[in-house]
Amino acid sequence: MEIPPVARPFPEKKNGTDLAGRVDFCTTEPDVISPQQEAQALSSCIQEHGWKSLALLTSNYQSRRVETVWRKTLSNAGGTVSVAVEGLPQPDYQPRGWWPQRVYAETWLRESAKLVQASL
């Protein structure tokens, strides 16, 4: 799968050409729709590159589950890869004051159930 053209210049723009020259990408097919599928689909690419650390960006409400899933998947694949996850702000969830907002509460409840499932 081809890397979207917008992805290549991003590291250079944010961190300069030296760091951008050390950035590489793995991609998945468009039908990959969950963190579990994504981690499984990309684990072989990660092993082929011999990467020892990953930085993952995800929505703020998924960050804990994404980290759990990726660590478990990569560990089961036999690798020792350090995983850092950063949660980015999302319009459908705010971590502070989520309980009085119905849409935020629904997101919290749905994500909490998914986190329990991923942890088992």
PDB file of N, CA and C in Angstrom:
ATOM      1  N   MET A   1       0.844  -1.177   0.000  1.00  0.00           N
ATOM      2  CA  MET A   1       0.000   0.000   0.000  1.00  0.00           C
ATOM      3  C   MET A   1       0.891   1.243   0.000  1.00  0.00           C
ATOM      4  N   GLU A   2       0.533   2.202  -0.775  1.00  0.00           N
ATOM      5  CA  GLU A   2       1.286   3.454  -0.908  1.00  0.00           C
ATOM      6  C   GLU A   2       1.069   4.357   0.303  1.00  0.00           C
ATOM      7  N   ILE A   3       2.149   4.994   0.756  1.00  0.00           N
ATOM      8  CA  ILE A   3       2.056   5.962   1.857  1.00  0.00           C
ATOM      9  C   ILE A   3       1.376   7.218   1.325  1.00  0.00           C
ATOM     10  N   PRO A   4       0.364   7.724   2.025  1.00  0.00           N
ATOM     11  CA  PRO A   4      -0.266   8.964   1.565  1.00  0.00           C
ATOM     12  C   PRO A   4       0.771  10.081   1.458  1.00  0.00           C
ATOM     13  N   PRO A   5       0.746  10.838   0.384  1.00  0.00           N
ATOM     14  CA  PRO A   5       1.748  11.888   0.187  1.00  0.00           C
ATOM     15  C   PRO A   5       1.849  12.877   1.344  1.00  0.00           C
ATOM     16  N   VAL A   6       0.765  13.105   2.048  1.00  0.00           N
ATOM     17  CA  VAL A   6       0.791  14.059   3.149  1.00  0.00           C
ATOM     18  C   VAL A   6       1.602  13.526   4.336  1.00  0.00           C
ATOM     19  N   ALA A   7       1.760  12.218   4.445  1.00  0.00           N
ATOM     20  CA  ALA A   7       2.473  11.633   5.590  1.00  0.00           C
ATOM     21  C   ALA A   7       3.978  11.836   5.509  1.00  0.00           C
ATOM     22  N   ARG A   8       4.544  11.803   4.353  1.00  0.00           N
ATOM     23  CA  ARG A   8       6.004  11.909   4.208  1.00  0.00           C
ATOM     24  C   ARG A   8       6.571  13.244   4.708  1.00  0.00           C
ATOM     25  N   PRO A   9       6.014  14.385   4.328  1.00  0.00           N
ATOM     26  CA  PRO A   9       6.619  15.642   4.773  1.00  0.00           C
ATOM     27  C   PRO A   9       6.334  16.010   6.226  1.00  0.00           C
ATOM     28  N   PHE A  10       5.391  15.336   6.866  1.00  0.00           N
ATOM     29  CA  PHE A  10       5.020  15.711   8.237  1.00  0.00           C
ATOM     30  C   PHE A  10       6.191  15.653   9.209  1.00  0.00           C
ATOM     31  N   PRO A  11       6.952  14.545   9.285  1.00  0.00           N
ATOM     32  CA  PRO A  11       8.080  14.517  10.239  1.00  0.00           C
ATOM     33  C   PRO A  11       9.127  15.596   9.963  1.00  0.00           C
ATOM     34  N   GLU A  12       9.357  15.876   8.691  1.00  0.00           N
ATOM     35  CA  GLU A  12      10.346  16.904   8.355  1.00  0.00           C
ATOM     36  C   GLU A  12       9.868  18.282   8.803  1.00  0.00           C
ATOM     37  N   LYS A  13       8.610  18.551   8.557  1.00  0.00           N
ATOM     38  CA  LYS A  13       8.034  19.842   8.921  1.00  0.00           C
ATOM     39  C   LYS A  13       8.053  20.039  10.437  1.00  0.00           C
ATOM     40  N   LYS A  14       7.762  18.975  11.188  1.00  0.00           N
ATOM     41  CA  LYS A  14       7.687  19.076  12.648  1.00  0.00           C
ATOM     42  C   LYS A  14       9.043  18.952  13.334  1.00  0.00           C
ATOM     43  N   ASN A  15       9.973  18.149  12.754  1.00  0.00           N
ATOM     44  CA  ASN A  15      11.203  17.822  13.473  1.00  0.00           C
ATOM     45  C   ASN A  15      12.488  18.050  12.696  1.00  0.00           C
ATOM     46  N   GLY A  16      12.391  18.511  11.469  1.00  0.00           N
ATOM     47  CA  GLY A  16      13.594  18.769  10.683  1.00  0.00           C
ATOM     48  C   GLY A  16      14.014  17.584   9.833  1.00  0.00           C
ATOM     49  N   THR A  17      14.919  17.843   8.910  1.00  0.00           N
ATOM     50  CA  THR A  17      15.319  16.821   7.940  1.00  0.00           C
ATOM     51  C   THR A  17      16.132  15.690   8.557  1.00  0.00           C
ATOM     52  N   ASP A  18      16.924  15.964   9.584  1.00  0.00           N
ATOM     53  CA  ASP A  18      17.740  14.910  10.187  1.00  0.00           C
ATOM     54  C   ASP A  18      16.857  13.800  10.764  1.00  0.00           C
ATOM     55  N   LEU A  19      15.908  14.165  11.592  1.00  0.00           N
ATOM     56  CA  LEU A  19      15.016  13.171  12.174  1.00  0.00           C
ATOM     57  C   LEU A  19      14.105  12.561  11.115  1.00  0.00           C
ATOM     58  N   ALA A  20      13.601  13.370  10.204  1.00  0.00           N
ATOM     59  CA  ALA A  20      12.697  12.868   9.162  1.00  0.00           C
ATOM     60  C   ALA A  20      13.365  11.799   8.305  1.00  0.00           C
ATOM     61  N   GLY A  21      14.673  11.900   8.121  1.00  0.00           N
ATOM     62  CA  GLY A  21      15.390  10.892   7.342  1.00  0.00           C
ATOM     63  C   GLY A  21      15.437   9.534   8.023  1.00  0.00           C
ATOM     64  N   ARG A  22      15.139   9.492   9.313  1.00  0.00           N
ATOM     65  CA  ARG A  22      15.147   8.232  10.057  1.00  0.00           C
ATOM     66  C   ARG A  22      13.747   7.683  10.293  1.00  0.00           C
ATOM     67  N   VAL A  23      12.727   8.326   9.728  1.00  0.00           N
ATOM     68  CA  VAL A  23      11.342   7.890   9.901  1.00  0.00           C
ATOM     69  C   VAL A  23      10.954   6.972   8.751  1.00  0.00           C
ATOM     70  N   ASP A  24      10.317   5.867   9.099  1.00  0.00           N
ATOM     71  CA  ASP A  24       9.808   4.946   8.090  1.00  0.00           C
ATOM     72  C   ASP A  24       8.370   4.607   8.451  1.00  0.00           C
ATOM     73  N   PHE A  25       7.649   4.039   7.500  1.00  0.00           N
ATOM     74  CA  PHE A  25       6.240   3.760   7.684  1.00  0.00           C
ATOM     75  C   PHE A  25       5.926   2.302   7.385  1.00  0.00           C
ATOM     76  N   CYS A  26       4.953   1.774   8.094  1.00  0.00           N
ATOM     77  CA  CYS A  26       4.313   0.512   7.752  1.00  0.00           C
ATOM     78  C   CYS A  26       2.844   0.848   7.526  1.00  0.00           C
ATOM     79  N   THR A  27       2.223   0.206   6.585  1.00  0.00           N
ATOM     80  CA  THR A  27       0.817   0.488   6.316  1.00  0.00           C
ATOM     81  C   THR A  27      -0.002  -0.795   6.361  1.00  0.00           C
ATOM     82  N   THR A  28      -1.308  -0.634   6.478  1.00  0.00           N
ATOM     83  CA  THR A  28      -2.225  -1.760   6.468  1.00  0.00           C
ATOM     84  C   THR A  28      -3.218  -1.588   5.324  1.00  0.00           C
ATOM     85  N   GLU A  29      -3.948  -2.626   5.080  1.00  0.00           N
ATOM     86  CA  GLU A  29      -5.028  -2.557   4.092  1.00  0.00           C
ATOM     87  C   GLU A  29      -6.181  -1.741   4.678  1.00  0.00           C
ATOM     88  N   PRO A  30      -7.015  -1.164   3.826  1.00  0.00           N
ATOM     89  CA  PRO A  30      -8.114  -0.320   4.309  1.00  0.00           C
ATOM     90  C   PRO A  30      -9.151  -1.056   5.163  1.00  0.00           C
ATOM     91  N   ASP A  31      -9.232  -2.384   5.052  1.00  0.00           N
ATOM     92  CA  ASP A  31     -10.250  -3.111   5.811  1.00  0.00           C
ATOM     93  C   ASP A  31      -9.843  -3.393   7.254  1.00  0.00           C
ATOM     94  N   VAL A  32      -8.673  -2.946   7.676  1.00  0.00           N
ATOM     95  CA  VAL A  32      -8.240  -3.077   9.068  1.00  0.00           C
ATOM     96  C   VAL A  32      -8.954  -1.993   9.861  1.00  0.00           C
ATOM     97  N   ILE A  33      -9.783  -2.408  10.837  1.00  0.00           N
ATOM     98  CA  ILE A  33     -10.648  -1.431  11.501  1.00  0.00           C
ATOM     99  C   ILE A  33     -10.520  -1.386  13.020  1.00  0.00           C
ATOM    100  N   SER A  34      -9.622  -2.171  13.602  1.00  0.00           N
ATOM    101  CA  SER A  34      -9.487  -2.144  15.058  1.00  0.00           C
ATOM    102  C   SER A  34      -8.006  -2.132  15.439  1.00  0.00           C
ATOM    103  N   PRO A  35      -7.706  -1.676  16.655  1.00  0.00           N
ATOM    104  CA  PRO A  35      -6.312  -1.716  17.094  1.00  0.00           C
ATOM    105  C   PRO A  35      -5.735  -3.138  17.083  1.00  0.00           C
ATOM    106  N   GLN A  36      -6.553  -4.135  17.417  1.00  0.00           N
ATOM    107  CA  GLN A  36      -6.086  -5.520  17.396  1.00  0.00           C
ATOM    108  C   GLN A  36      -5.685  -5.930  15.988  1.00  0.00           C
ATOM    109  N   GLN A  37      -6.538  -5.665  15.016  1.00  0.00           N
ATOM    110  CA  GLN A  37      -6.237  -6.007  13.624  1.00  0.00           C
ATOM    111  C   GLN A  37      -5.016  -5.240  13.136  1.00  0.00           C
ATOM    112  N   GLU A  38      -4.928  -3.987  13.517  1.00  0.00           N
ATOM    113  CA  GLU A  38      -3.809  -3.147  13.092  1.00  0.00           C
ATOM    114  C   GLU A  38      -2.483  -3.678  13.648  1.00  0.00           C
ATOM    115  N   ALA A  39      -2.458  -3.997  14.930  1.00  0.00           N
ATOM    116  CA  ALA A  39      -1.233  -4.516  15.553  1.00  0.00           C
ATOM    117  C   ALA A  39      -0.821  -5.837  14.919  1.00  0.00           C
ATOM    118  N   GLN A  40      -1.784  -6.709  14.673  1.00  0.00           N
ATOM    119  CA  GLN A  40      -1.480  -7.994  14.047  1.00  0.00           C
ATOM    120  C   GLN A  40      -0.961  -7.794  12.627  1.00  0.00           C
ATOM    121  N   ALA A  41      -1.607  -6.906  11.877  1.00  0.00           N
ATOM    122  CA  ALA A  41      -1.222  -6.677  10.483  1.00  0.00           C
ATOM    123  C   ALA A  41       0.162  -6.039  10.373  1.00  0.00           C
ATOM    124  N   LEU A  42       0.542  -5.217  11.337  1.00  0.00           N
ATOM    125  CA  LEU A  42       1.802  -4.493  11.249  1.00  0.00           C
ATOM    126  C   LEU A  42       2.962  -5.164  11.978  1.00  0.00           C
ATOM    127  N   SER A  43       2.697  -6.179  12.775  1.00  0.00           N
ATOM    128  CA  SER A  43       3.775  -6.798  13.558  1.00  0.00           C
ATOM    129  C   SER A  43       4.866  -7.389  12.678  1.00  0.00           C
ATOM    130  N   SER A  44       4.513  -7.956  11.534  1.00  0.00           N
ATOM    131  CA  SER A  44       5.553  -8.511  10.649  1.00  0.00           C
ATOM    132  C   SER A  44       6.418  -7.399  10.055  1.00  0.00           C
ATOM    133  N   CYS A  45       5.820  -6.279   9.685  1.00  0.00           N
ATOM    134  CA  CYS A  45       6.584  -5.143   9.155  1.00  0.00           C
ATOM    135  C   CYS A  45       7.543  -4.609  10.220  1.00  0.00           C
ATOM    136  N   ILE A  46       7.071  -4.534  11.446  1.00  0.00           N
ATOM    137  CA  ILE A  46       7.895  -4.050  12.550  1.00  0.00           C
ATOM    138  C   ILE A  46       9.089  -4.977  12.768  1.00  0.00           C
ATOM    139  N   GLN A  47       8.845  -6.278  12.729  1.00  0.00           N
ATOM    140  CA  GLN A  47       9.926  -7.249  12.894  1.00  0.00           C
ATOM    141  C   GLN A  47      10.907  -7.188  11.724  1.00  0.00           C
ATOM    142  N   GLU A  48      10.391  -7.033  10.500  1.00  0.00           N
ATOM    143  CA  GLU A  48      11.258  -6.946   9.316  1.00  0.00           C
ATOM    144  C   GLU A  48      12.204  -5.750   9.408  1.00  0.00           C
ATOM    145  N   HIS A  49      11.722  -4.634   9.931  1.00  0.00           N
ATOM    146  CA  HIS A  49      12.555  -3.442  10.086  1.00  0.00           C
ATOM    147  C   HIS A  49      13.499  -3.560  11.279  1.00  0.00           C
ATOM    148  N   GLY A  50      13.222  -4.489  12.180  1.00  0.00           N
ATOM    149  CA  GLY A  50      14.049  -4.627  13.367  1.00  0.00           C
ATOM    150  C   GLY A  50      13.879  -3.494  14.357  1.00  0.00           C
ATOM    151  N   TRP A  51      12.697  -2.869  14.334  1.00  0.00           N
ATOM    152  CA  TRP A  51      12.455  -1.733  15.223  1.00  0.00           C
ATOM    153  C   TRP A  51      12.405  -2.182  16.669  1.00  0.00           C
ATOM    154  N   LYS A  52      12.952  -1.357  17.537  1.00  0.00           N
ATOM    155  CA  LYS A  52      12.950  -1.615  18.974  1.00  0.00           C
ATOM    156  C   LYS A  52      11.997  -0.698  19.726  1.00  0.00           C
ATOM    157  N   SER A  53      11.502   0.347  19.045  1.00  0.00           N
ATOM    158  CA  SER A  53      10.542   1.240  19.694  1.00  0.00           C
ATOM    159  C   SER A  53       9.570   1.797  18.663  1.00  0.00           C
ATOM    160  N   LEU A  54       8.360   2.073  19.133  1.00  0.00           N
ATOM    161  CA  LEU A  54       7.299   2.624  18.288  1.00  0.00           C
ATOM    162  C   LEU A  54       6.654   3.800  19.002  1.00  0.00           C
ATOM    163  N   ALA A  55       6.233   4.771  18.239  1.00  0.00           N
ATOM    164  CA  ALA A  55       5.414   5.867  18.748  1.00  0.00           C
ATOM    165  C   ALA A  55       4.081   5.786  18.029  1.00  0.00           C
ATOM    166  N   LEU A  56       3.004   5.628  18.781  1.00  0.00           N
ATOM    167  CA  LEU A  56       1.671   5.501  18.204  1.00  0.00           C
ATOM    168  C   LEU A  56       0.827   6.693  18.619  1.00  0.00           C
ATOM    169  N   LEU A  57       0.117   7.260  17.662  1.00  0.00           N
ATOM    170  CA  LEU A  57      -0.818   8.351  17.923  1.00  0.00           C
ATOM    171  C   LEU A  57      -2.220   7.810  17.747  1.00  0.00           C
ATOM    172  N   THR A  58      -3.089   8.117  18.694  1.00  0.00           N
ATOM    173  CA  THR A  58      -4.464   7.645  18.637  1.00  0.00           C
ATOM    174  C   THR A  58      -5.357   8.665  19.329  1.00  0.00           C
ATOM    175  N   SER A  59      -6.639   8.413  19.340  1.00  0.00           N
ATOM    176  CA  SER A  59      -7.551   9.320  20.031  1.00  0.00           C
ATOM    177  C   SER A  59      -7.336   9.212  21.537  1.00  0.00           C
ATOM    178  N   ASN A  60      -7.625  10.290  22.242  1.00  0.00           N
ATOM    179  CA  ASN A  60      -7.356  10.323  23.681  1.00  0.00           C
ATOM    180  C   ASN A  60      -8.111   9.236  24.438  1.00  0.00           C
ATOM    181  N   TYR A  61      -9.304   8.897  24.035  1.00  0.00           N
ATOM    182  CA  TYR A  61     -10.065   7.903  24.776  1.00  0.00           C
ATOM    183  C   TYR A  61      -9.628   6.468  24.483  1.00  0.00           C
ATOM    184  N   GLN A  62      -8.884   6.242  23.417  1.00  0.00           N
ATOM    185  CA  GLN A  62      -8.419   4.899  23.078  1.00  0.00           C
ATOM    186  C   GLN A  62      -6.994   4.611  23.529  1.00  0.00           C
ATOM    187  N   SER A  63      -6.290   5.587  24.026  1.00  0.00           N
ATOM    188  CA  SER A  63      -4.854   5.437  24.234  1.00  0.00           C
ATOM    189  C   SER A  63      -4.485   4.279  25.159  1.00  0.00           C
ATOM    190  N   ARG A  64      -5.186   4.103  26.253  1.00  0.00           N
ATOM    191  CA  ARG A  64      -4.844   3.010  27.178  1.00  0.00           C
ATOM    192  C   ARG A  64      -5.080   1.648  26.521  1.00  0.00           C
ATOM    193  N   ARG A  65      -6.210   1.501  25.822  1.00  0.00           N
ATOM    194  CA  ARG A  65      -6.510   0.230  25.160  1.00  0.00           C
ATOM    195  C   ARG A  65      -5.526  -0.044  24.028  1.00  0.00           C
ATOM    196  N   VAL A  66      -5.203   0.963  23.244  1.00  0.00           N
ATOM    197  CA  VAL A  66      -4.259   0.789  22.142  1.00  0.00           C
ATOM    198  C   VAL A  66      -2.906   0.324  22.682  1.00  0.00           C
ATOM    199  N   GLU A  67      -2.463   0.936  23.763  1.00  0.00           N
ATOM    200  CA  GLU A  67      -1.188   0.520  24.356  1.00  0.00           C
ATOM    201  C   GLU A  67      -1.249  -0.933  24.832  1.00  0.00           C
ATOM    202  N   THR A  68      -2.330  -1.317  25.500  1.00  0.00           N
ATOM    203  CA  THR A  68      -2.490  -2.692  25.981  1.00  0.00           C
ATOM    204  C   THR A  68      -2.473  -3.689  24.826  1.00  0.00           C
ATOM    205  N   VAL A  69      -3.240  -3.399  23.796  1.00  0.00           N
ATOM    206  CA  VAL A  69      -3.337  -4.297  22.643  1.00  0.00           C
ATOM    207  C   VAL A  69      -1.996  -4.437  21.934  1.00  0.00           C
ATOM    208  N   TRP A  70      -1.334  -3.320  21.682  1.00  0.00           N
ATOM    209  CA  TRP A  70      -0.056  -3.365  20.960  1.00  0.00           C
ATOM    210  C   TRP A  70       1.011  -4.100  21.753  1.00  0.00           C
ATOM    211  N   ARG A  71       1.106  -3.824  23.046  1.00  0.00           N
ATOM    212  CA  ARG A  71       2.111  -4.517  23.861  1.00  0.00           C
ATOM    213  C   ARG A  71       1.858  -6.022  23.869  1.00  0.00           C
ATOM    214  N   LYS A  72       0.612  -6.407  24.039  1.00  0.00           N
ATOM    215  CA  LYS A  72       0.267  -7.830  24.073  1.00  0.00           C
ATOM    216  C   LYS A  72       0.551  -8.490  22.722  1.00  0.00           C
ATOM    217  N   THR A  73       0.147  -7.853  21.640  1.00  0.00           N
ATOM    218  CA  THR A  73       0.340  -8.416  20.300  1.00  0.00           C
ATOM    219  C   THR A  73       1.811  -8.554  19.964  1.00  0.00           C
ATOM    220  N   LEU A  74       2.596  -7.523  20.220  1.00  0.00           N
ATOM    221  CA  LEU A  74       4.021  -7.583  19.902  1.00  0.00           C
ATOM    222  C   LEU A  74       4.756  -8.569  20.800  1.00  0.00           C
ATOM    223  N   SER A  75       4.328  -8.677  22.031  1.00  0.00           N
ATOM    224  CA  SER A  75       4.935  -9.654  22.937  1.00  0.00           C
ATOM    225  C   SER A  75       4.636 -11.078  22.459  1.00  0.00           C
ATOM    226  N   ASN A  76       3.402 -11.327  22.033  1.00  0.00           N
ATOM    227  CA  ASN A  76       3.022 -12.649  21.520  1.00  0.00           C
ATOM    228  C   ASN A  76       3.731 -12.987  20.219  1.00  0.00           C
ATOM    229  N   ALA A  77       4.142 -11.959  19.469  1.00  0.00           N
ATOM    230  CA  ALA A  77       4.854 -12.179  18.209  1.00  0.00           C
ATOM    231  C   ALA A  77       6.332 -12.487  18.451  1.00  0.00           C
ATOM    232  N   GLY A  78       6.745 -12.431  19.703  1.00  0.00           N
ATOM    233  CA  GLY A  78       8.113 -12.802  20.043  1.00  0.00           C
ATOM    234  C   GLY A  78       9.105 -11.667  20.054  1.00  0.00           C
ATOM    235  N   GLY A  79       8.655 -10.458  19.887  1.00  0.00           N
ATOM    236  CA  GLY A  79       9.578  -9.325  19.868  1.00  0.00           C
ATOM    237  C   GLY A  79       9.597  -8.577  21.184  1.00  0.00           C
ATOM    238  N   THR A  80      10.636  -7.801  21.369  1.00  0.00           N
ATOM    239  CA  THR A  80      10.711  -6.910  22.528  1.00  0.00           C
ATOM    240  C   THR A  80      10.773  -5.487  21.993  1.00  0.00           C
ATOM    241  N   VAL A  81       9.610  -4.924  21.793  1.00  0.00           N
ATOM    242  CA  VAL A  81       9.483  -3.586  21.222  1.00  0.00           C
ATOM    243  C   VAL A  81       8.871  -2.670  22.268  1.00  0.00           C
ATOM    244  N   SER A  82       9.497  -1.533  22.480  1.00  0.00           N
ATOM    245  CA  SER A  82       8.975  -0.521  23.391  1.00  0.00           C
ATOM    246  C   SER A  82       7.878   0.254  22.663  1.00  0.00           C
ATOM    247  N   VAL A  83       6.740   0.432  23.324  1.00  0.00           N
ATOM    248  CA  VAL A  83       5.602   1.115  22.708  1.00  0.00           C
ATOM    249  C   VAL A  83       5.255   2.355  23.521  1.00  0.00           C
ATOM    250  N   ALA A  84       5.244   3.504  22.854  1.00  0.00           N
ATOM    251  CA  ALA A  84       4.806   4.763  23.466  1.00  0.00           C
ATOM    252  C   ALA A  84       3.546   5.203  22.747  1.00  0.00           C
ATOM    253  N   VAL A  85       2.515   5.524  23.495  1.00  0.00           N
ATOM    254  CA  VAL A  85       1.232   5.919  22.907  1.00  0.00           C
ATOM    255  C   VAL A  85       0.888   7.319  23.374  1.00  0.00           C
ATOM    256  N   GLU A  86       0.482   8.146  22.439  1.00  0.00           N
ATOM    257  CA  GLU A  86       0.052   9.509  22.742  1.00  0.00           C
ATOM    258  C   GLU A  86      -1.395   9.667  22.308  1.00  0.00           C
ATOM    259  N   GLY A  87      -2.250  10.082  23.230  1.00  0.00           N
ATOM    260  CA  GLY A  87      -3.654  10.319  22.920  1.00  0.00           C
ATOM    261  C   GLY A  87      -3.877  11.742  22.468  1.00  0.00           C
ATOM    262  N   LEU A  88      -4.510  11.889  21.321  1.00  0.00           N
ATOM    263  CA  LEU A  88      -4.779  13.210  20.763  1.00  0.00           C
ATOM    264  C   LEU A  88      -6.219  13.626  21.063  1.00  0.00           C
ATOM    265  N   PRO A  89      -6.465  14.909  21.312  1.00  0.00           N
ATOM    266  CA  PRO A  89      -7.826  15.370  21.620  1.00  0.00           C
ATOM    267  C   PRO A  89      -8.815  15.030  20.508  1.00  0.00           C
ATOM    268  N   GLN A  90     -10.021  14.663  20.925  1.00  0.00           N
ATOM    269  CA  GLN A  90     -11.085  14.308  19.985  1.00  0.00           C
ATOM    270  C   GLN A  90     -12.347  15.090  20.340  1.00  0.00           C
ATOM    271  N   PRO A  91     -13.125  15.472  19.331  1.00  0.00           N
ATOM    272  CA  PRO A  91     -14.327  16.254  19.619  1.00  0.00           C
ATOM    273  C   PRO A  91     -15.428  15.452  20.321  1.00  0.00           C
ATOM    274  N   ASP A  92     -15.391  14.106  20.235  1.00  0.00           N
ATOM    275  CA  ASP A  92     -16.457  13.314  20.847  1.00  0.00           C
ATOM    276  C   ASP A  92     -16.115  12.822  22.253  1.00  0.00           C
ATOM    277  N   TYR A  93     -15.022  13.336  22.841  1.00  0.00           N
ATOM    278  CA  TYR A  93     -14.685  12.946  24.203  1.00  0.00           C
ATOM    279  C   TYR A  93     -13.714  13.938  24.823  1.00  0.00           C
ATOM    280  N   GLN A  94     -14.013  14.341  26.038  1.00  0.00           N
ATOM    281  CA  GLN A  94     -13.119  15.180  26.823  1.00  0.00           C
ATOM    282  C   GLN A  94     -12.854  14.450  28.136  1.00  0.00           C
ATOM    283  N   PRO A  95     -11.589  14.180  28.465  1.00  0.00           N
ATOM    284  CA  PRO A  95     -11.291  13.400  29.662  1.00  0.00           C
ATOM    285  C   PRO A  95     -11.684  14.078  30.978  1.00  0.00           C
ATOM    286  N   ARG A  96     -11.726  15.381  30.989  1.00  0.00           N
ATOM    287  CA  ARG A  96     -12.164  16.087  32.204  1.00  0.00           C
ATOM    288  C   ARG A  96     -13.622  16.505  32.007  1.00  0.00           C
ATOM    289  N   GLY A  97     -14.426  16.163  32.963  1.00  0.00           N
ATOM    290  CA  GLY A  97     -15.830  16.560  32.910  1.00  0.00           C
ATOM    291  C   GLY A  97     -16.656  15.741  31.940  1.00  0.00           C
ATOM    292  N   TRP A  98     -16.310  14.467  31.741  1.00  0.00           N
ATOM    293  CA  TRP A  98     -17.041  13.639  30.780  1.00  0.00           C
ATOM    294  C   TRP A  98     -18.403  13.194  31.301  1.00  0.00           C
ATOM    295  N   TRP A  99     -18.564  13.062  32.614  1.00  0.00           N
ATOM    296  CA  TRP A  99     -19.765  12.452  33.165  1.00  0.00           C
ATOM    297  C   TRP A  99     -21.064  13.220  32.920  1.00  0.00           C
ATOM    298  N   PRO A 100     -21.109  14.566  32.873  1.00  0.00           N
ATOM    299  CA  PRO A 100     -22.402  15.205  32.627  1.00  0.00           C
ATOM    300  C   PRO A 100     -22.783  15.288  31.136  1.00  0.00           C
ATOM    301  N   GLN A 101     -21.869  14.962  30.258  1.00  0.00           N
ATOM    302  CA  GLN A 101     -22.131  15.043  28.822  1.00  0.00           C
ATOM    303  C   GLN A 101     -22.473  13.650  28.287  1.00  0.00           C
ATOM    304  N   ARG A 102     -23.653  13.475  27.756  1.00  0.00           N
ATOM    305  CA  ARG A 102     -24.095  12.148  27.328  1.00  0.00           C
ATOM    306  C   ARG A 102     -23.151  11.518  26.309  1.00  0.00           C
ATOM    307  N   VAL A 103     -22.761  12.249  25.287  1.00  0.00           N
ATOM    308  CA  VAL A 103     -21.891  11.678  24.252  1.00  0.00           C
ATOM    309  C   VAL A 103     -20.534  11.287  24.833  1.00  0.00           C
ATOM    310  N   TYR A 104     -20.021  12.079  25.770  1.00  0.00           N
ATOM    311  CA  TYR A 104     -18.743  11.749  26.405  1.00  0.00           C
ATOM    312  C   TYR A 104     -18.903  10.508  27.294  1.00  0.00           C
ATOM    313  N   ALA A 105     -20.005  10.439  28.033  1.00  0.00           N
ATOM    314  CA  ALA A 105     -20.259   9.292  28.907  1.00  0.00           C
ATOM    315  C   ALA A 105     -20.413   8.009  28.088  1.00  0.00           C
ATOM    316  N   GLU A 106     -21.102   8.092  26.963  1.00  0.00           N
ATOM    317  CA  GLU A 106     -21.251   6.919  26.090  1.00  0.00           C
ATOM    318  C   GLU A 106     -19.898   6.464  25.556  1.00  0.00           C
ATOM    319  N   THR A 107     -19.063   7.410  25.161  1.00  0.00           N
ATOM    320  CA  THR A 107     -17.720   7.079  24.679  1.00  0.00           C
ATOM    321  C   THR A 107     -16.917   6.423  25.789  1.00  0.00           C
ATOM    322  N   TRP A 108     -16.985   6.976  27.004  1.00  0.00           N
ATOM    323  CA  TRP A 108     -16.253   6.416  28.136  1.00  0.00           C
ATOM    324  C   TRP A 108     -16.708   4.989  28.436  1.00  0.00           C
ATOM    325  N   LEU A 109     -18.013   4.767  28.459  1.00  0.00           N
ATOM    326  CA  LEU A 109     -18.542   3.446  28.768  1.00  0.00           C
ATOM    327  C   LEU A 109     -18.144   2.431  27.698  1.00  0.00           C
ATOM    328  N   ARG A 110     -18.305   2.795  26.441  1.00  0.00           N
ATOM    329  CA  ARG A 110     -17.950   1.897  25.324  1.00  0.00           C
ATOM    330  C   ARG A 110     -16.455   1.573  25.355  1.00  0.00           C
ATOM    331  N   GLU A 111     -15.633   2.565  25.576  1.00  0.00           N
ATOM    332  CA  GLU A 111     -14.185   2.346  25.589  1.00  0.00           C
ATOM    333  C   GLU A 111     -13.754   1.548  26.817  1.00  0.00           C
ATOM    334  N   SER A 112     -14.405   1.764  27.946  1.00  0.00           N
ATOM    335  CA  SER A 112     -14.089   0.988  29.151  1.00  0.00           C
ATOM    336  C   SER A 112     -14.377  -0.495  28.934  1.00  0.00           C
ATOM    337  N   ALA A 113     -15.500  -0.815  28.303  1.00  0.00           N
ATOM    338  CA  ALA A 113     -15.827  -2.214  28.005  1.00  0.00           C
ATOM    339  C   ALA A 113     -14.793  -2.821  27.058  1.00  0.00           C
ATOM    340  N   LYS A 114     -14.373  -2.065  26.061  1.00  0.00           N
ATOM    341  CA  LYS A 114     -13.361  -2.550  25.122  1.00  0.00           C
ATOM    342  C   LYS A 114     -12.014  -2.755  25.815  1.00  0.00           C
ATOM    343  N   LEU A 115     -11.678  -1.881  26.750  1.00  0.00           N
ATOM    344  CA  LEU A 115     -10.426  -2.012  27.500  1.00  0.00           C
ATOM    345  C   LEU A 115     -10.441  -3.287  28.352  1.00  0.00           C
ATOM    346  N   VAL A 116     -11.556  -3.566  29.008  1.00  0.00           N
ATOM    347  CA  VAL A 116     -11.661  -4.800  29.799  1.00  0.00           C
ATOM    348  C   VAL A 116     -11.488  -6.016  28.888  1.00  0.00           C
ATOM    349  N   GLN A 117     -12.154  -6.004  27.756  1.00  0.00           N
ATOM    350  CA  GLN A 117     -12.042  -7.116  26.805  1.00  0.00           C
ATOM    351  C   GLN A 117     -10.603  -7.284  26.320  1.00  0.00           C
ATOM    352  N   ALA A 118      -9.936  -6.210  26.001  1.00  0.00           N
ATOM    353  CA  ALA A 118      -8.545  -6.270  25.507  1.00  0.00           C
ATOM    354  C   ALA A 118      -7.599  -6.751  26.594  1.00  0.00           C
ATOM    355  N   SER A 119      -7.914  -6.467  27.839  1.00  0.00           N
ATOM    356  CA  SER A 119      -7.043  -6.859  28.942  1.00  0.00           C
ATOM    357  C   SER A 119      -7.142  -8.342  29.288  1.00  0.00           C
ATOM    358  N   LEU A 120      -8.229  -8.969  28.891  1.00  0.00           N
ATOM    359  CA  LEU A 120      -8.426 -10.400  29.213  1.00  0.00           C
ATOM    360  C   LEU A 120      -7.619 -11.310  28.324  1.00  0.00           C
TER     361      LEU A 120
END
